Amino acid sequence: MNLRCLVFGLILALTAADATAHDYTPPVDQSGYAIPSIDHGAMRVIAGHRQAIIALARQVTTADPELEALLLHNQMQSANCLWLLVPGSVADEESPLNECAHADLAGLKGILDRLRLIKQTQPDAEVLVSTIDHEMVLAGTSFIKCEYSVENFNTASQVRPNWLDVFRYIVSRHALSLAFAFALLVLGIFLCHEAVRALQKWPRRPGNLADH
């Protein structure tokens, strides 16, 4: 009965999914530092350099309020986007996490832009920028634009997805994978249960009695 309910719930989620996955909402609070927009080409490349950018930012020893605000904003924004672990977050405009990904990666680019202005990190930041520019040219994605490429963000505001839309998106785009994973889970539970039953029925050999 529980399995039927789960399947029925997945079907409802699939049929309830709609094309209005997200709508652009300007930053509610614009009292922080502005974060320029970013296009899909830059997003796809810069996402692969997150660790290097954050590691470089952590090397800054002088107080820099803007960099600190950008780092805090990006840490929170990345969590809002589930760390871009959901397939399609960056590349699929229909994903309810796409706008969130724009805010996340725009903030990451903002961190790199800031590092270029700090004397301590400027040389390494310029090397990173050159590497990213080169990869964009090789990927041929530098001119890719999308609906959210014109958005601007702010360190004082977070972009949060509609979690119901996220669930619907995951189910609609990855229903087969989810069904396969669920089947493996059920099979694993069944095999574990049978193994426990078999161990319980296994004849126990009496231990040797100690001589008195």
C-alpha atoms as a PDB file:
ATOM      1  CA  MET A   1       0.000   0.000   0.000  1.00  0.00           C
ATOM      2  CA  ASN A   2       2.817   2.410   0.869  1.00  0.00           C
ATOM      3  CA  LEU A   3       4.535   1.662  -2.454  1.00  0.00           C
ATOM      4  CA  ARG A   4       1.319   2.415  -4.351  1.00  0.00           C
ATOM      5  CA  CYS A   5       0.953   5.707  -2.499  1.00  0.00           C
ATOM      6  CA  LEU A   6       4.528   6.660  -3.371  1.00  0.00           C
ATOM      7  CA  VAL A   7       4.059   5.853  -7.056  1.00  0.00           C
ATOM      8  CA  PHE A   8       0.774   7.763  -7.106  1.00  0.00           C
ATOM      9  CA  GLY A   9       2.484  10.747  -5.489  1.00  0.00           C
ATOM     10  CA  LEU A  10       5.229  10.713  -8.118  1.00  0.00           C
ATOM     11  CA  ILE A  11       2.631  10.653 -10.890  1.00  0.00           C
ATOM     12  CA  LEU A  12       0.839  13.623  -9.347  1.00  0.00           C
ATOM     13  CA  ALA A  13       4.117  15.515  -9.121  1.00  0.00           C
ATOM     14  CA  LEU A  14       4.833  14.812 -12.776  1.00  0.00           C
ATOM     15  CA  THR A  15       1.437  15.972 -13.974  1.00  0.00           C
ATOM     16  CA  ALA A  16       1.515  19.042 -11.731  1.00  0.00           C
ATOM     17  CA  ALA A  17       4.828  20.292 -13.107  1.00  0.00           C
ATOM     18  CA  ASP A  18       4.456  23.455 -15.164  1.00  0.00           C
ATOM     19  CA  ALA A  19       6.632  25.673 -17.331  1.00  0.00           C
ATOM     20  CA  THR A  20       6.674  28.575 -14.875  1.00  0.00           C
ATOM     21  CA  ALA A  21       9.539  27.145 -12.885  1.00  0.00           C
ATOM     22  CA  HIS A  22      10.780  30.531 -11.806  1.00  0.00           C
ATOM     23  CA  ASP A  23      10.294  34.247 -12.190  1.00  0.00           C
ATOM     24  CA  TYR A  24      12.967  36.876 -11.812  1.00  0.00           C
ATOM     25  CA  THR A  25      12.635  38.923  -8.649  1.00  0.00           C
ATOM     26  CA  PRO A  26      15.001  41.881  -8.207  1.00  0.00           C
ATOM     27  CA  PRO A  27      16.969  41.944  -4.922  1.00  0.00           C
ATOM     28  CA  VAL A  28      14.643  42.894  -2.099  1.00  0.00           C
ATOM     29  CA  ASP A  29      17.469  44.479  -0.129  1.00  0.00           C
ATOM     30  CA  GLN A  30      19.947  46.460  -2.221  1.00  0.00           C
ATOM     31  CA  SER A  31      21.882  47.924   0.689  1.00  0.00           C
ATOM     32  CA  GLY A  32      24.856  45.601   0.149  1.00  0.00           C
ATOM     33  CA  TYR A  33      27.409  45.357  -2.626  1.00  0.00           C
ATOM     34  CA  ALA A  34      26.096  44.989  -6.161  1.00  0.00           C
ATOM     35  CA  ILE A  35      26.923  41.798  -8.041  1.00  0.00           C
ATOM     36  CA  PRO A  36      26.943  42.130 -11.856  1.00  0.00           C
ATOM     37  CA  SER A  37      25.106  39.601 -13.995  1.00  0.00           C
ATOM     38  CA  ILE A  38      26.764  36.610 -15.618  1.00  0.00           C
ATOM     39  CA  ASP A  39      25.967  34.700 -18.822  1.00  0.00           C
ATOM     40  CA  HIS A  40      25.697  30.944 -19.290  1.00  0.00           C
ATOM     41  CA  GLY A  41      29.064  30.714 -20.993  1.00  0.00           C
ATOM     42  CA  ALA A  42      30.880  32.173 -18.011  1.00  0.00           C
ATOM     43  CA  MET A  43      28.733  30.150 -15.590  1.00  0.00           C
ATOM     44  CA  ARG A  44      29.655  26.789 -17.066  1.00  0.00           C
ATOM     45  CA  VAL A  45      33.368  27.540 -16.995  1.00  0.00           C
ATOM     46  CA  ILE A  46      33.685  29.430 -13.719  1.00  0.00           C
ATOM     47  CA  ALA A  47      31.806  26.712 -11.829  1.00  0.00           C
ATOM     48  CA  GLY A  48      34.803  24.444 -12.347  1.00  0.00           C
ATOM     49  CA  HIS A  49      37.111  26.946 -10.664  1.00  0.00           C
ATOM     50  CA  ARG A  50      35.148  27.461  -7.440  1.00  0.00           C
ATOM     51  CA  GLN A  51      37.699  25.810  -5.164  1.00  0.00           C
ATOM     52  CA  ALA A  52      40.606  27.734  -6.661  1.00  0.00           C
ATOM     53  CA  ILE A  53      38.788  31.077  -6.351  1.00  0.00           C
ATOM     54  CA  ILE A  54      37.666  30.481  -2.761  1.00  0.00           C
ATOM     55  CA  ALA A  55      41.129  29.207  -1.781  1.00  0.00           C
ATOM     56  CA  LEU A  56      42.709  32.354  -3.223  1.00  0.00           C
ATOM     57  CA  ALA A  57      40.200  34.547  -1.396  1.00  0.00           C
ATOM     58  CA  ARG A  58      41.071  32.828   1.894  1.00  0.00           C
ATOM     59  CA  GLN A  59      44.668  33.941   1.448  1.00  0.00           C
ATOM     60  CA  VAL A  60      43.764  37.605   1.831  1.00  0.00           C
ATOM     61  CA  THR A  61      45.122  38.807   5.173  1.00  0.00           C
ATOM     62  CA  THR A  62      44.041  42.451   5.038  1.00  0.00           C
ATOM     63  CA  ALA A  63      40.525  43.488   6.001  1.00  0.00           C
ATOM     64  CA  ASP A  64      38.331  43.925   2.938  1.00  0.00           C
ATOM     65  CA  PRO A  65      34.633  44.410   3.775  1.00  0.00           C
ATOM     66  CA  GLU A  66      33.476  43.921   0.175  1.00  0.00           C
ATOM     67  CA  LEU A  67      35.353  40.647  -0.232  1.00  0.00           C
ATOM     68  CA  GLU A  68      34.053  39.417   3.109  1.00  0.00           C
ATOM     69  CA  ALA A  69      30.485  40.290   2.116  1.00  0.00           C
ATOM     70  CA  LEU A  70      30.904  38.531  -1.225  1.00  0.00           C
ATOM     71  CA  LEU A  71      32.292  35.404   0.451  1.00  0.00           C
ATOM     72  CA  LEU A  72      29.486  35.240   3.004  1.00  0.00           C
ATOM     73  CA  HIS A  73      26.841  35.835   0.359  1.00  0.00           C
ATOM     74  CA  ASN A  74      28.299  33.165  -1.919  1.00  0.00           C
ATOM     75  CA  GLN A  75      28.545  30.609   0.867  1.00  0.00           C
ATOM     76  CA  MET A  76      24.860  31.043   1.693  1.00  0.00           C
ATOM     77  CA  GLN A  77      23.785  31.297  -1.935  1.00  0.00           C
ATOM     78  CA  SER A  78      25.614  28.112  -2.838  1.00  0.00           C
ATOM     79  CA  ALA A  79      23.742  26.267  -0.087  1.00  0.00           C
ATOM     80  CA  ASN A  80      20.444  27.684  -1.402  1.00  0.00           C
ATOM     81  CA  CYS A  81      21.312  26.127  -4.780  1.00  0.00           C
ATOM     82  CA  LEU A  82      22.107  22.731  -3.188  1.00  0.00           C
ATOM     83  CA  TRP A  83      25.719  23.327  -4.227  1.00  0.00           C
ATOM     84  CA  LEU A  84      24.677  22.829  -7.894  1.00  0.00           C
ATOM     85  CA  LEU A  85      24.428  19.084  -7.290  1.00  0.00           C
ATOM     86  CA  VAL A  86      21.050  18.803  -9.056  1.00  0.00           C
ATOM     87  CA  PRO A  87      21.686  18.106 -12.764  1.00  0.00           C
ATOM     88  CA  GLY A  88      20.558  20.978 -14.990  1.00  0.00           C
ATOM     89  CA  SER A  89      20.979  23.694 -12.354  1.00  0.00           C
ATOM     90  CA  VAL A  90      23.391  25.644 -14.571  1.00  0.00           C
ATOM     91  CA  ALA A  91      22.523  24.652 -18.128  1.00  0.00           C
ATOM     92  CA  ASP A  92      18.732  24.178 -18.063  1.00  0.00           C
ATOM     93  CA  GLU A  93      16.698  27.401 -18.037  1.00  0.00           C
ATOM     94  CA  GLU A  94      13.595  25.400 -17.105  1.00  0.00           C
ATOM     95  CA  SER A  95      15.210  24.324 -13.864  1.00  0.00           C
ATOM     96  CA  PRO A  96      13.811  26.128 -10.796  1.00  0.00           C
ATOM     97  CA  LEU A  97      17.410  26.224  -9.580  1.00  0.00           C
ATOM     98  CA  ASN A  98      18.684  28.109 -12.646  1.00  0.00           C
ATOM     99  CA  GLU A  99      18.140  31.604 -11.299  1.00  0.00           C
ATOM    100  CA  CYS A 100      19.674  30.502  -8.013  1.00  0.00           C
ATOM    101  CA  ALA A 101      22.687  29.177  -9.934  1.00  0.00           C
ATOM    102  CA  HIS A 102      23.027  32.542 -11.664  1.00  0.00           C
ATOM    103  CA  ALA A 103      23.165  34.295  -8.310  1.00  0.00           C
ATOM    104  CA  ASP A 104      25.662  31.760  -6.978  1.00  0.00           C
ATOM    105  CA  LEU A 105      28.066  31.899  -9.918  1.00  0.00           C
ATOM    106  CA  ALA A 106      27.673  35.652 -10.421  1.00  0.00           C
ATOM    107  CA  GLY A 107      28.789  36.017  -6.815  1.00  0.00           C
ATOM    108  CA  LEU A 108      31.732  33.688  -7.468  1.00  0.00           C
ATOM    109  CA  LYS A 109      32.745  35.812 -10.448  1.00  0.00           C
ATOM    110  CA  GLY A 110      32.346  38.897  -8.248  1.00  0.00           C
ATOM    111  CA  ILE A 111      34.803  37.388  -5.765  1.00  0.00           C
ATOM    112  CA  LEU A 112      37.348  36.852  -8.548  1.00  0.00           C
ATOM    113  CA  ASP A 113      36.823  40.388  -9.833  1.00  0.00           C
ATOM    114  CA  ARG A 114      37.455  41.698  -6.333  1.00  0.00           C
ATOM    115  CA  LEU A 115      40.610  39.599  -5.955  1.00  0.00           C
ATOM    116  CA  ARG A 116      41.968  41.297  -9.083  1.00  0.00           C
ATOM    117  CA  LEU A 117      41.852  44.619  -7.227  1.00  0.00           C
ATOM    118  CA  ILE A 118      43.620  43.399  -4.090  1.00  0.00           C
ATOM    119  CA  LYS A 119      47.395  43.742  -4.341  1.00  0.00           C
ATOM    120  CA  GLN A 120      48.116  40.527  -2.463  1.00  0.00           C
ATOM    121  CA  THR A 121      46.051  38.317  -4.799  1.00  0.00           C
ATOM    122  CA  GLN A 122      46.138  40.316  -8.028  1.00  0.00           C
ATOM    123  CA  PRO A 123      48.806  38.215  -9.846  1.00  0.00           C
ATOM    124  CA  ASP A 124      47.150  34.869  -9.104  1.00  0.00           C
ATOM    125  CA  ALA A 125      43.713  36.303  -9.838  1.00  0.00           C
ATOM    126  CA  GLU A 126      44.858  37.501 -13.252  1.00  0.00           C
ATOM    127  CA  VAL A 127      46.185  34.004 -14.018  1.00  0.00           C
ATOM    128  CA  LEU A 128      42.806  32.534 -13.083  1.00  0.00           C
ATOM    129  CA  VAL A 129      40.984  35.060 -15.263  1.00  0.00           C
ATOM    130  CA  SER A 130      43.238  34.217 -18.227  1.00  0.00           C
ATOM    131  CA  THR A 131      42.594  30.505 -17.710  1.00  0.00           C
ATOM    132  CA  ILE A 132      38.829  31.030 -17.547  1.00  0.00           C
ATOM    133  CA  ASP A 133      38.836  33.264 -20.648  1.00  0.00           C
ATOM    134  CA  HIS A 134      40.839  30.642 -22.540  1.00  0.00           C
ATOM    135  CA  GLU A 135      38.455  27.841 -21.522  1.00  0.00           C
ATOM    136  CA  MET A 136      35.474  29.929 -22.592  1.00  0.00           C
ATOM    137  CA  VAL A 137      36.977  30.419 -26.028  1.00  0.00           C
ATOM    138  CA  LEU A 138      37.704  26.693 -26.358  1.00  0.00           C
ATOM    139  CA  ALA A 139      34.189  25.801 -25.215  1.00  0.00           C
ATOM    140  CA  GLY A 140      32.675  28.316 -27.635  1.00  0.00           C
ATOM    141  CA  THR A 141      30.176  29.425 -25.035  1.00  0.00           C
ATOM    142  CA  SER A 142      31.264  33.006 -24.417  1.00  0.00           C
ATOM    143  CA  PHE A 143      28.301  34.509 -26.239  1.00  0.00           C
ATOM    144  CA  ILE A 144      25.579  32.270 -24.835  1.00  0.00           C
ATOM    145  CA  LYS A 145      22.871  34.305 -23.182  1.00  0.00           C
ATOM    146  CA  CYS A 146      19.668  33.327 -21.467  1.00  0.00           C
ATOM    147  CA  GLU A 147      16.744  34.808 -19.592  1.00  0.00           C
ATOM    148  CA  TYR A 148      18.710  35.368 -16.400  1.00  0.00           C
ATOM    149  CA  SER A 149      21.891  36.735 -17.979  1.00  0.00           C
ATOM    150  CA  VAL A 150      20.627  40.290 -17.504  1.00  0.00           C
ATOM    151  CA  GLU A 151      19.978  39.904 -13.787  1.00  0.00           C
ATOM    152  CA  ASN A 152      21.880  41.826 -11.175  1.00  0.00           C
ATOM    153  CA  PHE A 153      22.228  40.588  -7.614  1.00  0.00           C
ATOM    154  CA  ASN A 154      23.213  42.030  -4.250  1.00  0.00           C
ATOM    155  CA  THR A 155      25.141  40.713  -1.265  1.00  0.00           C
ATOM    156  CA  ALA A 156      22.274  41.805   0.994  1.00  0.00           C
ATOM    157  CA  SER A 157      19.749  39.520  -0.736  1.00  0.00           C
ATOM    158  CA  GLN A 158      19.619  35.784  -1.309  1.00  0.00           C
ATOM    159  CA  VAL A 159      17.917  33.992  -4.213  1.00  0.00           C
ATOM    160  CA  ARG A 160      15.976  30.975  -2.975  1.00  0.00           C
ATOM    161  CA  PRO A 161      14.192  28.475  -5.224  1.00  0.00           C
ATOM    162  CA  ASN A 162      10.659  27.190  -4.825  1.00  0.00           C
ATOM    163  CA  TRP A 163      11.344  23.806  -3.252  1.00  0.00           C
ATOM    164  CA  LEU A 164       8.094  22.283  -4.517  1.00  0.00           C
ATOM    165  CA  ASP A 165       9.132  23.247  -8.060  1.00  0.00           C
ATOM    166  CA  VAL A 166      12.570  21.744  -7.416  1.00  0.00           C
ATOM    167  CA  PHE A 167      10.964  18.442  -6.385  1.00  0.00           C
ATOM    168  CA  ARG A 168       8.703  18.459  -9.430  1.00  0.00           C
ATOM    169  CA  TYR A 169      11.635  19.233 -11.706  1.00  0.00           C
ATOM    170  CA  ILE A 170      13.779  16.430 -10.316  1.00  0.00           C
ATOM    171  CA  VAL A 171      10.924  13.953 -10.637  1.00  0.00           C
ATOM    172  CA  SER A 172       9.962  15.043 -14.163  1.00  0.00           C
ATOM    173  CA  ARG A 173      13.531  15.077 -15.527  1.00  0.00           C
ATOM    174  CA  HIS A 174      14.931  12.132 -13.632  1.00  0.00           C
ATOM    175  CA  ALA A 175      11.924   9.856 -13.109  1.00  0.00           C
ATOM    176  CA  LEU A 176      13.654   6.826 -14.630  1.00  0.00           C
ATOM    177  CA  SER A 177      16.781   7.271 -12.507  1.00  0.00           C
ATOM    178  CA  LEU A 178      14.670   7.778  -9.401  1.00  0.00           C
ATOM    179  CA  ALA A 179      12.626   4.670 -10.146  1.00  0.00           C
ATOM    180  CA  PHE A 180      15.815   2.651 -10.661  1.00  0.00           C
ATOM    181  CA  ALA A 181      17.318   3.975  -7.422  1.00  0.00           C
ATOM    182  CA  PHE A 182      14.076   3.224  -5.563  1.00  0.00           C
ATOM    183  CA  ALA A 183      14.020  -0.315  -6.983  1.00  0.00           C
ATOM    184  CA  LEU A 184      17.614  -0.851  -5.833  1.00  0.00           C
ATOM    185  CA  LEU A 185      16.702   0.469  -2.388  1.00  0.00           C
ATOM    186  CA  VAL A 186      13.728  -1.892  -2.100  1.00  0.00           C
ATOM    187  CA  LEU A 187      15.864  -4.796  -3.332  1.00  0.00           C
ATOM    188  CA  GLY A 188      18.585  -3.946  -0.831  1.00  0.00           C
ATOM    189  CA  ILE A 189      16.114  -3.816   2.044  1.00  0.00           C
ATOM    190  CA  PHE A 190      14.596  -7.136   0.953  1.00  0.00           C
ATOM    191  CA  LEU A 191      17.998  -8.839   0.696  1.00  0.00           C
ATOM    192  CA  CYS A 192      19.051  -7.510   4.103  1.00  0.00           C
ATOM    193  CA  HIS A 193      15.802  -8.750   5.614  1.00  0.00           C
ATOM    194  CA  GLU A 194      16.287 -12.214   4.076  1.00  0.00           C
ATOM    195  CA  ALA A 195      19.888 -12.323   5.249  1.00  0.00           C
ATOM    196  CA  VAL A 196      18.843 -11.538   8.809  1.00  0.00           C
ATOM    197  CA  ARG A 197      16.169 -14.252   8.690  1.00  0.00           C
ATOM    198  CA  ALA A 198      18.680 -16.763   7.346  1.00  0.00           C
ATOM    199  CA  LEU A 199      21.130 -15.944  10.128  1.00  0.00           C
ATOM    200  CA  GLN A 200      18.411 -16.356  12.726  1.00  0.00           C
ATOM    201  CA  LYS A 201      17.594 -19.853  11.396  1.00  0.00           C
ATOM    202  CA  TRP A 202      21.242 -20.917  11.135  1.00  0.00           C
ATOM    203  CA  PRO A 203      21.857 -23.846  13.528  1.00  0.00           C
ATOM    204  CA  ARG A 204      24.018 -22.873  16.440  1.00  0.00           C
ATOM    205  CA  ARG A 205      26.799 -25.269  17.383  1.00  0.00           C
ATOM    206  CA  PRO A 206      27.011 -25.847  21.124  1.00  0.00           C
ATOM    207  CA  GLY A 207      30.161 -24.509  22.694  1.00  0.00           C
ATOM    208  CA  ASN A 208      32.647 -26.762  24.372  1.00  0.00           C
ATOM    209  CA  LEU A 209      31.880 -27.340  27.988  1.00  0.00           C
ATOM    210  CA  ALA A 210      34.661 -26.402  30.309  1.00  0.00           C
ATOM    211  CA  ASP A 211      36.154 -29.271  32.315  1.00  0.00           C
ATOM    212  CA  HIS A 212      35.632 -29.071  36.020  1.00  0.00           C
END
